Amino acid sequence: MRSILALTTTLLLSSSALAQQLGWTNIQGYGFAADGQLVQFQQLLIDTDSGKVLARGDAIVQDFPDANWQDGQGKTMLPGLIDGHGHILGLGQNLMQVELRGTQSEQEAVERVAAFAAQHPEQQWIQGRGWNQVLWDNNEFPSTALLDEVVSDRPVWLSRIDGHAGWANSKALELAGITKDTLDPPGGRILRDEQGNPTGVLLNNARQYIGAVLPEPNEAEVIQALEAAFAELLSLGITSVHDAGIDSSLARLYQRLRAENALPLRIYAMLSARNPDLQDWLDQGIIDDELDLLLIRAVKLYGDGALGSRGAALLADYSDQPEHRGLLVTEPDRLTAQMQATIQAGFQANVHAIGDRANRMVLDRFEQLASNEQLALGRHRMEHAQIVSPQDIPRFKALHVLPSMQAVHATSDMNMAGDRLGVARLRGAYAWRTFVDQGSPIVGGSDFPVELANPFHGLHASVTRQDQHNQPVGGWRPEQRLTLTEALRSFTRDAAYGAFQEARLGSLAPGMWADFIVLEQDPFAIPPEQLWQLEVLQTWLAGNQVFHRE
């Protein structure tokens, strides 16, 4: 790649580029310098032909008199936001299913299912996502009973908010062949009543029983879901997504959409380690793109389950369930082989690890499988890194492993994390401040559709450690808060670093892609409690406007 100076010089000397110069004055702009420091500017100039930033500063108009200058009317400009861990297809499908997020009881969730089923008589399966029994009045897992009362003629399958548990009606259990005699699969669990009968809730790998009988969406349905997700993400100011764990068919579809110039945002794709043809992809090598619209050079691997469903693998018993320490969803020797194959192929290994046992197990394997030089070049990641033993946190820095963390998980989990872990283990839980202070860049994200995709919710949670009702007062474990600059960097420059793209994305600096968003309000000038309420007016990608709010 040409140097920023050479690129900028070429653009300035090109008469065709001069005709395509578009600039803004009177803006409150924020970007980052090469060292990661926040940079403020009042004027920005881009080249719409190349899609790159030409200049930024406070007095650049006089240097570019032939440019098309616009008055920014005092609005705020930020680099395009990067979600470092999301699931694009899942988001699109979620937008077309029953929304169960925010329900206060099992009964309310069932009522939403009943209403959706009545509105969609054509759907063979009723699917939904977002329930969280921890927030329900009885704080207990649901069962088939109420679901069967409202939908008995069609199968119903509802994913828990974290995606690591599912709730089925009796029809779905019947189609999946799940009975009293069905054995728990490795890394999974079928919840049962006192007589041993399945209750309808399946944890972690047990969800595969339902997955085996779910009808596969056709290509038209997949594309429809992707288009819905793309539109949603761009409206939220997200210009790039690290798609965490895609199968081979979606990877090939992304390649085709890219060839047809039909990708409206940037995708850094992680191949799922569950792909049976993963080795073929590794043998093929990194798939790069000169326009940075599609990059495939990472593998998503799977360590344990989630905390809410007690699937996160812990070093000691769950405080609220003695003699239970969670689940490893990939057998350890198999995980070792997958990590080794990924690292040897020159791909980035991004391992899902939530519990302290899973995090330690993965750190041990990074230490065993690669030299310090290989680790530094690999920028391997721990996806979530939610509960880490305090003695293991420094190992992230020593082994060059990046914490890929989702701030909204802390404010979603704070109501149950203490119950699951006890007080002592909270010292290493959701420990953003500790990671940043030791020099570990945090790859920020949301884990949509587990959480809402809105990145301003993540910025708010990072800075306040509060929910959107500003609770608890003072923030939950407030010593782990980030500054707004650090939080913004986790969703821009540091997320780009986690994808080997920090020289091209995330800083809105000269020579980089002109990916940016425009806001009515300045996030640095409002109370932190209001950050989650910010709305995007415009989203631009490579110098082209791709979203405008009416």
Protein backbone atom coordinates (compact mmCIF):
# COMPACT_ATOMS: atom_id res chain seq x y z
CA MET A 1 0.00 0.00 0.00
CA ARG A 2 1.30 3.47 -0.87
CA SER A 3 2.23 5.73 2.01
CA ILE A 4 -0.30 8.28 3.22
CA LEU A 5 1.99 11.11 2.08
CA ALA A 6 2.37 9.67 -1.44
CA LEU A 7 -1.34 9.01 -1.72
CA THR A 8 -2.27 12.50 -0.57
CA THR A 9 0.29 14.11 -2.90
CA THR A 10 -1.05 12.15 -5.88
CA LEU A 11 -4.60 13.21 -5.11
CA LEU A 12 -3.65 16.87 -4.73
CA LEU A 13 -1.88 16.94 -8.09
CA SER A 14 -4.70 15.20 -9.94
CA SER A 15 -7.08 17.52 -11.77
CA SER A 16 -9.76 14.82 -11.72
CA ALA A 17 -9.39 14.57 -7.95
CA LEU A 18 -9.70 18.36 -7.63
CA ALA A 19 -13.08 18.15 -9.32
CA GLN A 20 -14.21 15.61 -6.73
CA GLN A 21 -13.13 17.39 -3.56
CA LEU A 22 -15.92 17.77 -1.03
CA GLY A 23 -15.36 19.58 2.23
CA TRP A 24 -17.12 20.66 5.41
CA THR A 25 -16.50 23.71 7.55
CA ASN A 26 -18.07 24.63 10.87
CA ILE A 27 -18.10 21.09 12.24
CA GLN A 28 -17.16 19.67 15.60
CA GLY A 29 -14.97 16.86 14.32
CA TYR A 30 -13.21 14.11 16.28
CA GLY A 31 -10.68 11.60 15.02
CA PHE A 32 -7.47 9.98 16.16
CA ALA A 33 -3.77 10.50 15.60
CA ALA A 34 -1.34 7.71 14.78
CA ASP A 35 -0.54 7.31 18.50
CA GLY A 36 -4.22 6.94 19.39
CA GLN A 37 -4.66 10.41 20.85
CA LEU A 38 -7.95 12.19 20.21
CA VAL A 39 -7.76 14.92 17.55
CA GLN A 40 -10.35 17.68 17.18
CA PHE A 41 -10.94 19.59 13.95
CA GLN A 42 -13.42 22.04 12.46
CA GLN A 43 -12.88 21.31 8.77
CA LEU A 44 -12.64 18.08 6.77
CA LEU A 45 -11.91 17.53 3.07
CA ILE A 46 -12.49 14.27 1.23
CA ASP A 47 -11.95 13.01 -2.30
CA THR A 48 -15.19 11.37 -3.40
CA ASP A 49 -13.47 9.69 -6.34
CA SER A 50 -10.97 7.74 -4.25
CA GLY A 51 -13.13 7.69 -1.12
CA LYS A 52 -10.24 8.90 1.04
CA VAL A 53 -9.73 11.78 3.46
CA LEU A 54 -7.53 14.52 1.97
CA ALA A 55 -7.12 16.84 4.93
CA ARG A 56 -8.52 17.79 8.32
CA GLY A 57 -7.85 20.77 10.55
CA ASP A 58 -9.12 24.21 11.52
CA ALA A 59 -7.86 26.34 8.58
CA ILE A 60 -7.58 24.18 5.46
CA VAL A 61 -10.16 25.97 3.29
CA GLN A 62 -7.59 28.43 1.96
CA ASP A 63 -5.38 25.56 0.78
CA PHE A 64 -8.18 24.03 -1.32
CA PRO A 65 -10.08 26.94 -2.93
CA ASP A 66 -11.53 24.81 -5.75
CA ALA A 67 -13.20 22.29 -3.43
CA ASN A 68 -16.95 22.13 -2.90
CA TRP A 69 -17.22 23.43 0.66
CA GLN A 70 -20.36 23.02 2.78
CA ASP A 71 -21.38 24.57 6.09
CA GLY A 72 -21.64 21.78 8.66
CA GLN A 73 -23.89 23.97 10.83
CA GLY A 74 -22.00 23.08 13.97
CA LYS A 75 -22.89 19.39 13.83
CA THR A 76 -20.58 16.69 15.15
CA MET A 77 -18.54 14.36 12.94
CA LEU A 78 -17.04 11.10 14.19
CA PRO A 79 -15.22 8.25 12.45
CA GLY A 80 -17.57 5.53 11.21
CA LEU A 81 -18.21 3.16 14.10
CA ILE A 82 -16.92 -0.41 14.02
CA ASP A 83 -18.71 -3.23 15.79
CA GLY A 84 -15.96 -5.68 16.67
CA HIS A 85 -18.27 -8.60 17.40
CA GLY A 86 -21.68 -9.04 15.78
CA HIS A 87 -23.70 -11.50 13.76
CA ILE A 88 -25.09 -9.83 10.64
CA LEU A 89 -27.32 -12.62 9.38
CA GLY A 90 -28.57 -13.25 12.91
CA LEU A 91 -29.50 -9.59 13.23
CA GLY A 92 -31.41 -9.62 9.96
CA GLN A 93 -33.26 -12.79 10.89
CA ASN A 94 -33.97 -11.41 14.34
CA LEU A 95 -35.59 -8.36 12.78
CA MET A 96 -38.08 -10.73 11.15
CA GLN A 97 -38.82 -12.88 14.24
CA VAL A 98 -40.54 -12.52 17.61
CA GLU A 99 -38.75 -9.89 19.71
CA LEU A 100 -38.63 -11.09 23.32
CA ARG A 101 -36.06 -8.64 24.65
CA GLY A 102 -37.46 -6.62 27.54
CA THR A 103 -40.18 -9.08 28.60
CA GLN A 104 -40.81 -9.06 32.35
CA SER A 105 -42.32 -12.53 32.70
CA GLU A 106 -42.77 -15.85 30.94
CA GLN A 107 -46.42 -14.95 30.43
CA GLU A 108 -45.52 -11.72 28.61
CA ALA A 109 -43.10 -13.61 26.37
CA VAL A 110 -45.79 -16.16 25.54
CA GLU A 111 -48.26 -13.40 24.72
CA ARG A 112 -45.80 -11.93 22.23
CA VAL A 113 -45.36 -15.35 20.64
CA ALA A 114 -49.14 -15.79 20.36
CA ALA A 115 -49.55 -12.40 18.69
CA PHE A 116 -46.72 -13.06 16.24
CA ALA A 117 -48.06 -16.52 15.37
CA ALA A 118 -51.51 -15.05 14.65
CA GLN A 119 -49.96 -12.41 12.37
CA HIS A 120 -47.83 -14.95 10.48
CA PRO A 121 -49.95 -18.01 9.72
CA GLU A 122 -47.69 -18.76 6.73
CA GLN A 123 -44.60 -19.48 8.84
CA GLN A 124 -43.95 -23.20 9.38
CA TRP A 125 -41.81 -22.48 12.45
CA ILE A 126 -42.29 -19.65 14.93
CA GLN A 127 -38.88 -18.37 15.95
CA GLY A 128 -37.77 -15.58 18.25
CA ARG A 129 -35.02 -14.33 20.47
CA GLY A 130 -34.25 -12.22 23.48
CA TRP A 131 -35.86 -13.78 26.58
CA ASN A 132 -33.91 -13.56 29.81
CA GLN A 133 -35.34 -15.40 32.80
CA VAL A 134 -33.04 -13.48 35.14
CA LEU A 135 -35.19 -10.39 34.53
CA TRP A 136 -38.50 -12.21 34.96
CA ASP A 137 -40.53 -11.95 38.15
CA ASN A 138 -39.94 -15.60 39.10
CA ASN A 139 -36.29 -15.69 37.93
CA GLU A 140 -36.81 -19.26 36.64
CA PHE A 141 -36.32 -20.97 33.28
CA PRO A 142 -39.56 -21.34 31.27
CA SER A 143 -41.19 -24.58 30.12
CA THR A 144 -43.31 -25.95 27.30
CA ALA A 145 -46.57 -25.60 29.24
CA LEU A 146 -47.54 -21.99 28.48
CA LEU A 147 -46.11 -22.15 24.95
CA ASP A 148 -48.22 -25.21 24.15
CA GLU A 149 -51.35 -23.34 25.24
CA VAL A 150 -50.89 -20.67 22.55
CA VAL A 151 -49.14 -22.61 19.75
CA SER A 152 -49.49 -26.38 19.59
CA ASP A 153 -49.90 -27.04 15.86
CA ARG A 154 -46.54 -25.55 14.82
CA PRO A 155 -43.05 -25.85 16.32
CA VAL A 156 -41.78 -22.89 18.36
CA TRP A 157 -38.08 -22.21 19.01
CA LEU A 158 -37.00 -19.16 21.02
CA SER A 159 -33.34 -18.34 21.67
CA ARG A 160 -32.30 -16.87 24.99
CA ILE A 161 -30.80 -13.38 24.82
CA ASP A 162 -27.23 -14.75 24.88
CA GLY A 163 -27.90 -17.35 22.17
CA HIS A 164 -26.60 -20.14 24.43
CA ALA A 165 -29.98 -21.52 25.42
CA GLY A 166 -33.26 -22.12 23.63
CA TRP A 167 -36.88 -22.64 24.62
CA ALA A 168 -39.08 -25.02 22.61
CA ASN A 169 -42.69 -26.05 22.64
CA SER A 170 -43.69 -29.70 22.64
CA LYS A 171 -44.11 -29.79 18.86
CA ALA A 172 -40.50 -28.70 18.34
CA LEU A 173 -39.24 -31.27 20.87
CA GLU A 174 -41.26 -33.96 19.08
CA LEU A 175 -39.83 -33.06 15.66
CA ALA A 176 -36.30 -33.08 17.12
CA GLY A 177 -36.86 -36.49 18.69
CA ILE A 178 -36.16 -35.22 22.21
CA THR A 179 -37.70 -37.46 24.86
CA LYS A 180 -37.07 -38.54 28.43
CA ASP A 181 -34.52 -41.02 27.10
CA THR A 182 -32.50 -38.53 25.02
CA LEU A 183 -28.97 -38.17 26.36
CA ASP A 184 -27.30 -34.83 26.98
CA PRO A 185 -24.75 -34.23 24.20
CA PRO A 186 -21.13 -33.34 25.05
CA GLY A 187 -21.02 -29.66 25.96
CA GLY A 188 -24.79 -29.41 26.24
CA ARG A 189 -27.67 -30.05 28.60
CA ILE A 190 -31.39 -30.77 28.34
CA LEU A 191 -33.22 -29.29 31.33
CA ARG A 192 -35.61 -31.81 32.89
CA ASP A 193 -38.37 -31.90 35.50
CA GLU A 194 -38.38 -34.11 38.59
CA GLN A 195 -39.61 -37.06 36.51
CA GLY A 196 -36.79 -36.62 34.01
CA ASN A 197 -38.98 -35.23 31.23
CA PRO A 198 -37.56 -32.43 29.05
CA THR A 199 -38.89 -29.03 30.16
CA GLY A 200 -38.34 -27.41 26.76
CA VAL A 201 -35.10 -25.55 27.60
CA LEU A 202 -31.90 -26.69 25.86
CA LEU A 203 -28.48 -25.36 26.85
CA ASN A 204 -25.46 -24.85 24.60
CA ASN A 205 -24.72 -27.88 22.39
CA ALA A 206 -28.13 -29.43 23.15
CA ARG A 207 -29.59 -26.73 20.91
CA GLN A 208 -28.19 -28.69 17.98
CA TYR A 209 -31.05 -31.18 18.31
CA ILE A 210 -33.43 -28.41 17.23
CA GLY A 211 -30.95 -27.02 14.73
CA ALA A 212 -30.90 -30.36 12.92
CA VAL A 213 -34.62 -30.10 12.09
CA LEU A 214 -34.99 -26.37 11.55
CA PRO A 215 -35.68 -25.67 7.87
CA GLU A 216 -32.76 -23.98 6.16
CA PRO A 217 -33.62 -20.52 4.76
CA ASN A 218 -33.29 -20.26 1.00
CA GLU A 219 -30.93 -17.77 -0.60
CA ALA A 220 -33.65 -15.19 -1.21
CA GLU A 221 -34.58 -15.27 2.48
CA VAL A 222 -30.93 -14.96 3.50
CA ILE A 223 -30.40 -11.96 1.22
CA GLN A 224 -33.59 -10.36 2.54
CA ALA A 225 -32.30 -10.77 6.10
CA LEU A 226 -28.87 -9.38 5.18
CA GLU A 227 -30.42 -6.33 3.52
CA ALA A 228 -32.52 -5.66 6.62
CA ALA A 229 -29.41 -5.93 8.79
CA PHE A 230 -27.31 -3.70 6.54
CA ALA A 231 -29.97 -0.97 6.62
CA GLU A 232 -30.27 -1.20 10.40
CA LEU A 233 -26.50 -1.04 10.95
CA LEU A 234 -25.95 1.94 8.66
CA SER A 235 -28.78 3.81 10.39
CA LEU A 236 -26.88 3.34 13.65
CA GLY A 237 -23.62 4.72 12.27
CA ILE A 238 -21.91 1.33 11.95
CA THR A 239 -19.73 1.26 8.84
CA SER A 240 -17.81 -1.95 9.57
CA VAL A 241 -18.67 -5.21 11.34
CA HIS A 242 -16.51 -8.08 12.52
CA ASP A 243 -18.95 -10.90 11.69
CA ALA A 244 -18.23 -13.47 14.38
CA GLY A 245 -18.56 -17.03 13.11
CA ILE A 246 -19.97 -17.41 9.61
CA ASP A 247 -20.53 -20.69 7.81
CA SER A 248 -19.16 -21.51 4.39
CA SER A 249 -22.37 -20.72 2.52
CA LEU A 250 -22.51 -17.21 3.98
CA ALA A 251 -18.81 -16.68 3.27
CA ARG A 252 -19.38 -17.58 -0.37
CA LEU A 253 -22.45 -15.33 -0.53
CA TYR A 254 -20.42 -12.43 0.87
CA GLN A 255 -17.81 -13.06 -1.82
CA ARG A 256 -20.48 -12.97 -4.50
CA LEU A 257 -22.09 -9.80 -3.12
CA ARG A 258 -18.66 -8.17 -3.03
CA ALA A 259 -18.02 -9.15 -6.67
CA GLU A 260 -21.37 -7.58 -7.56
CA ASN A 261 -20.53 -4.39 -5.60
CA ALA A 262 -23.52 -5.14 -3.36
CA LEU A 263 -21.91 -4.83 0.07
CA PRO A 264 -22.96 -1.44 1.53
CA LEU A 265 -20.64 -1.67 4.55
CA ARG A 266 -17.34 -3.29 5.49
CA ILE A 267 -17.23 -6.88 6.74
CA TYR A 268 -14.32 -8.47 8.58
CA ALA A 269 -15.47 -12.07 8.52
CA MET A 270 -14.51 -14.77 11.01
CA LEU A 271 -15.01 -18.27 9.66
CA SER A 272 -16.72 -20.57 12.14
CA ALA A 273 -14.50 -23.35 13.44
CA ARG A 274 -17.60 -25.55 13.14
CA ASN A 275 -17.40 -25.43 9.34
CA PRO A 276 -16.65 -28.99 8.21
CA ASP A 277 -14.57 -27.56 5.35
CA LEU A 278 -12.61 -25.11 7.53
CA GLN A 279 -9.28 -26.62 6.50
CA ASP A 280 -10.08 -25.93 2.83
CA TRP A 281 -10.57 -22.24 3.67
CA LEU A 282 -7.32 -22.19 5.63
CA ASP A 283 -5.48 -23.83 2.74
CA GLN A 284 -6.90 -21.23 0.37
CA GLY A 285 -5.32 -18.48 2.46
CA ILE A 286 -6.34 -14.99 3.48
CA ILE A 287 -8.97 -13.33 1.30
CA ASP A 288 -8.13 -9.65 1.03
CA ASP A 289 -9.80 -6.74 -0.72
CA GLU A 290 -8.13 -3.54 -1.92
CA LEU A 291 -11.30 -1.59 -1.07
CA ASP A 292 -11.52 -3.15 2.42
CA LEU A 293 -15.13 -4.17 1.93
CA LEU A 294 -14.58 -7.88 2.62
CA LEU A 295 -11.66 -9.39 4.49
CA ILE A 296 -11.57 -13.06 5.53
CA ARG A 297 -8.54 -13.80 7.67
CA ALA A 298 -9.92 -14.93 11.04
CA VAL A 299 -11.52 -17.99 12.60
CA LYS A 300 -14.10 -17.90 15.38
CA LEU A 301 -13.48 -20.75 17.83
CA TYR A 302 -15.68 -21.78 20.75
CA GLY A 303 -14.55 -22.32 24.32
CA ASP A 304 -17.52 -22.28 26.69
CA GLY A 305 -21.12 -21.18 27.10
CA ALA A 306 -22.63 -18.04 28.65
CA LEU A 307 -22.95 -16.85 32.23
CA GLY A 308 -26.71 -16.31 32.29
CA SER A 309 -27.47 -19.94 31.46
CA ARG A 310 -24.62 -21.12 33.74
CA GLY A 311 -22.71 -22.38 30.73
CA ALA A 312 -19.60 -20.22 31.23
CA ALA A 313 -16.75 -22.50 32.33
CA LEU A 314 -15.54 -21.48 35.81
CA LEU A 315 -12.52 -22.50 37.87
CA ALA A 316 -14.76 -23.02 40.92
CA ASP A 317 -18.41 -23.89 41.43
CA TYR A 318 -21.15 -21.44 40.56
CA SER A 319 -22.04 -19.58 43.72
CA ASP A 320 -25.74 -20.20 43.06
CA GLN A 321 -25.37 -23.81 41.87
CA PRO A 322 -22.93 -25.93 43.89
CA GLU A 323 -21.06 -28.70 42.08
CA HIS A 324 -21.63 -27.04 38.71
CA ARG A 325 -18.80 -25.28 36.86
CA GLY A 326 -20.28 -24.65 33.42
CA LEU A 327 -19.58 -26.25 30.07
CA LEU A 328 -16.80 -26.49 27.54
CA VAL A 329 -18.59 -26.53 24.19
CA THR A 330 -15.51 -27.74 22.31
CA GLU A 331 -13.60 -30.71 23.67
CA PRO A 332 -10.18 -29.39 24.82
CA ASP A 333 -8.02 -31.52 22.50
CA ARG A 334 -10.21 -30.56 19.55
CA LEU A 335 -9.96 -26.88 20.48
CA THR A 336 -6.18 -27.23 20.63
CA ALA A 337 -6.10 -28.76 17.14
CA GLN A 338 -8.38 -26.04 15.74
CA MET A 339 -6.29 -23.26 17.24
CA GLN A 340 -3.08 -24.84 15.98
CA ALA A 341 -4.42 -25.20 12.42
CA THR A 342 -5.66 -21.59 12.46
CA ILE A 343 -2.38 -20.15 13.72
CA GLN A 344 -0.25 -22.24 11.36
CA ALA A 345 -2.32 -21.04 8.39
CA GLY A 346 -1.58 -17.43 9.29
CA PHE A 347 -5.18 -16.70 10.31
CA GLN A 348 -6.26 -14.85 13.41
CA ALA A 349 -7.67 -17.14 16.13
CA ASN A 350 -10.61 -15.46 17.89
CA VAL A 351 -11.82 -17.69 20.71
CA HIS A 352 -15.12 -17.32 22.53
CA ALA A 353 -14.28 -17.45 26.25
CA ILE A 354 -16.52 -16.06 28.98
CA GLY A 355 -15.66 -17.92 32.20
CA ASP A 356 -12.32 -17.75 34.03
CA ARG A 357 -11.60 -21.44 33.34
CA ALA A 358 -12.21 -20.98 29.61
CA ASN A 359 -10.06 -17.85 29.48
CA ARG A 360 -7.18 -19.58 31.26
CA MET A 361 -7.48 -22.66 29.07
CA VAL A 362 -7.27 -20.56 25.90
CA LEU A 363 -4.38 -18.43 27.19
CA ASP A 364 -2.49 -21.63 28.03
CA ARG A 365 -2.96 -22.85 24.47
CA PHE A 366 -1.81 -19.61 22.90
CA GLU A 367 1.32 -19.82 25.06
CA GLN A 368 1.93 -23.44 24.01
CA LEU A 369 1.14 -23.16 20.31
CA ALA A 370 3.01 -20.05 19.17
CA SER A 371 6.16 -18.08 19.83
CA ASN A 372 6.00 -14.57 21.21
CA GLU A 373 6.82 -13.20 17.74
CA GLN A 374 4.04 -15.25 16.13
CA LEU A 375 1.59 -14.07 18.75
CA ALA A 376 2.52 -10.43 18.21
CA LEU A 377 1.97 -10.78 14.46
CA GLY A 378 -1.23 -12.76 14.85
CA ARG A 379 -3.20 -10.30 17.00
CA HIS A 380 -5.26 -13.22 18.25
CA ARG A 381 -8.35 -12.35 20.26
CA MET A 382 -10.41 -13.49 23.21
CA GLU A 383 -14.02 -12.90 22.29
CA HIS A 384 -15.87 -11.59 25.37
CA ALA A 385 -13.17 -12.11 28.05
CA GLN A 386 -15.89 -11.45 30.59
CA ILE A 387 -14.71 -13.25 33.72
CA VAL A 388 -10.94 -13.51 33.98
CA SER A 389 -8.88 -14.47 37.00
CA PRO A 390 -6.97 -11.32 38.06
CA GLN A 391 -3.71 -13.25 37.76
CA ASP A 392 -4.52 -14.06 34.12
CA ILE A 393 -5.29 -10.49 32.98
CA PRO A 394 -1.56 -9.56 32.61
CA ARG A 395 -1.11 -12.63 30.41
CA PHE A 396 -3.25 -10.97 27.72
CA LYS A 397 -0.64 -8.25 27.38
CA ALA A 398 2.32 -10.65 27.65
CA LEU A 399 0.87 -12.96 24.99
CA HIS A 400 -0.38 -10.13 22.73
CA VAL A 401 -3.95 -11.46 23.01
CA LEU A 402 -6.57 -8.76 22.44
CA PRO A 403 -9.68 -8.60 24.64
CA SER A 404 -12.71 -8.28 22.37
CA MET A 405 -15.33 -7.06 24.83
CA GLN A 406 -18.93 -5.87 24.69
CA ALA A 407 -19.70 -3.19 27.25
CA VAL A 408 -23.45 -3.76 27.19
CA HIS A 409 -22.92 -7.30 28.50
CA ALA A 410 -21.86 -5.83 31.84
CA THR A 411 -24.99 -3.75 32.28
CA SER A 412 -27.14 -6.65 31.08
CA ASP A 413 -25.43 -9.13 33.40
CA MET A 414 -24.97 -7.00 36.51
CA ASN A 415 -28.28 -8.18 38.01
CA MET A 416 -27.14 -11.79 38.10
CA ALA A 417 -23.32 -11.75 37.86
CA GLY A 418 -22.87 -11.43 41.62
CA ASP A 419 -25.22 -14.36 42.21
CA ARG A 420 -23.40 -16.54 39.68
CA LEU A 421 -19.86 -15.61 40.73
CA GLY A 422 -19.84 -14.30 44.29
CA VAL A 423 -17.97 -11.15 45.27
CA ALA A 424 -14.38 -12.40 44.91
CA ARG A 425 -14.59 -13.36 41.24
CA LEU A 426 -16.13 -10.00 40.30
CA ARG A 427 -12.65 -8.46 40.64
CA GLY A 428 -11.75 -9.88 37.23
CA ALA A 429 -15.19 -9.53 35.65
CA TYR A 430 -15.88 -7.01 32.87
CA ALA A 431 -12.56 -5.43 33.84
CA TRP A 432 -12.19 -2.85 31.05
CA ARG A 433 -10.19 -0.34 33.07
CA THR A 434 -7.68 -2.98 34.13
CA PHE A 435 -7.13 -4.08 30.54
CA VAL A 436 -6.74 -0.53 29.20
CA ASP A 437 -4.38 0.49 32.00
CA GLN A 438 -2.03 -2.39 31.19
CA GLY A 439 -1.97 -1.35 27.53
CA SER A 440 -4.36 -3.90 26.03
CA PRO A 441 -6.49 -2.28 23.29
CA ILE A 442 -10.13 -3.31 23.66
CA VAL A 443 -11.94 -4.32 20.49
CA GLY A 444 -15.37 -2.86 21.23
CA GLY A 445 -18.64 -4.31 20.02
CA SER A 446 -22.16 -5.27 20.96
CA ASP A 447 -22.58 -8.99 20.11
CA PHE A 448 -25.79 -8.14 18.27
CA PRO A 449 -28.41 -9.60 18.13
CA VAL A 450 -27.64 -10.88 21.62
CA GLU A 451 -27.75 -7.19 22.53
CA LEU A 452 -29.15 -4.31 20.53
CA ALA A 453 -26.79 -3.22 17.76
CA ASN A 454 -26.87 0.46 18.78
CA PRO A 455 -23.21 1.38 19.46
CA PHE A 456 -24.19 4.36 21.59
CA HIS A 457 -25.57 1.92 24.13
CA GLY A 458 -22.07 0.47 24.31
CA LEU A 459 -20.45 3.89 24.68
CA HIS A 460 -22.91 4.74 27.45
CA ALA A 461 -22.28 1.49 29.31
CA SER A 462 -18.50 1.90 28.94
CA VAL A 463 -18.51 5.36 30.49
CA THR A 464 -21.22 5.04 33.15
CA ARG A 465 -21.42 1.31 34.03
CA GLN A 466 -25.17 1.98 34.29
CA ASP A 467 -28.30 0.83 32.53
CA GLN A 468 -30.50 3.28 30.64
CA HIS A 469 -32.40 4.10 33.83
CA ASN A 470 -29.07 5.36 35.24
CA GLN A 471 -28.93 2.50 37.69
CA PRO A 472 -27.19 1.68 39.87
CA VAL A 473 -26.37 5.13 41.21
CA GLY A 474 -22.68 5.76 40.62
CA GLY A 475 -22.37 2.76 38.32
CA TRP A 476 -21.82 -0.97 38.83
CA ARG A 477 -18.21 -1.57 39.88
CA PRO A 478 -17.42 1.97 38.69
CA GLU A 479 -13.67 1.55 39.13
CA GLN A 480 -13.71 -0.26 35.76
CA ARG A 481 -15.25 2.63 33.79
CA LEU A 482 -13.59 4.01 30.67
CA THR A 483 -13.32 7.61 29.60
CA LEU A 484 -15.39 8.63 26.60
CA THR A 485 -12.22 8.94 24.50
CA GLU A 486 -11.20 5.38 25.42
CA ALA A 487 -14.69 4.07 24.74
CA LEU A 488 -14.89 5.80 21.35
CA ARG A 489 -11.46 4.46 20.46
CA SER A 490 -12.63 0.91 21.26
CA PHE A 491 -15.39 1.33 18.65
CA THR A 492 -13.11 2.91 16.05
CA ARG A 493 -9.33 2.82 15.96
CA ASP A 494 -8.82 -0.07 18.41
CA ALA A 495 -11.50 -2.17 16.72
CA ALA A 496 -9.73 -1.50 13.42
CA TYR A 497 -6.47 -2.62 15.05
CA GLY A 498 -8.20 -5.89 15.96
CA ALA A 499 -8.76 -6.44 12.23
CA PHE A 500 -5.30 -5.32 11.00
CA GLN A 501 -6.96 -2.22 9.52
CA GLU A 502 -5.83 0.62 11.77
CA ALA A 503 -3.82 2.21 8.92
CA ARG A 504 -6.99 2.51 6.81
CA LEU A 505 -9.98 2.68 9.13
CA GLY A 506 -11.13 4.14 12.40
CA SER A 507 -9.29 7.44 12.73
CA LEU A 508 -10.66 9.69 9.96
CA ALA A 509 -7.11 10.80 9.24
CA PRO A 510 -5.66 11.98 5.89
CA GLY A 511 -5.08 9.04 3.56
CA MET A 512 -7.67 6.84 5.29
CA TRP A 513 -11.10 5.86 4.08
CA ALA A 514 -13.65 8.64 4.46
CA ASP A 515 -15.97 6.62 6.69
CA PHE A 516 -17.75 8.96 9.09
CA ILE A 517 -21.03 9.80 10.76
CA VAL A 518 -22.78 13.08 11.53
CA LEU A 519 -24.63 13.73 14.80
CA GLU A 520 -26.79 16.61 15.96
CA GLN A 521 -25.24 16.55 19.45
CA ASP A 522 -21.63 16.40 20.56
CA PRO A 523 -21.11 13.32 22.76
CA PHE A 524 -18.27 15.11 24.55
CA ALA A 525 -20.58 18.00 25.47
CA ILE A 526 -23.56 16.16 26.96
CA PRO A 527 -23.99 14.37 30.30
CA PRO A 528 -22.65 10.81 30.00
CA GLU A 529 -26.05 9.47 31.09
CA GLN A 530 -27.49 10.71 27.78
CA LEU A 531 -24.99 9.00 25.48
CA TRP A 532 -27.33 6.10 24.69
CA GLN A 533 -29.91 8.53 23.31
CA LEU A 534 -27.69 9.88 20.50
CA GLU A 535 -28.99 9.45 16.95
CA VAL A 536 -27.11 9.40 13.68
CA LEU A 537 -28.15 11.96 11.05
CA GLN A 538 -25.86 10.78 8.25
CA THR A 539 -23.57 7.83 7.59
CA TRP A 540 -20.83 8.01 4.95
CA LEU A 541 -18.70 5.18 3.62
CA ALA A 542 -15.68 5.84 1.39
CA GLY A 543 -16.89 9.36 0.66
CA ASN A 544 -20.43 8.29 -0.27
CA GLN A 545 -23.49 8.97 1.81
CA VAL A 546 -25.16 5.64 2.61
CA PHE A 547 -27.73 6.77 5.20
CA HIS A 548 -29.68 9.97 5.83
CA ARG A 549 -32.23 10.39 8.59
CA GLU A 550 -35.34 12.23 7.45
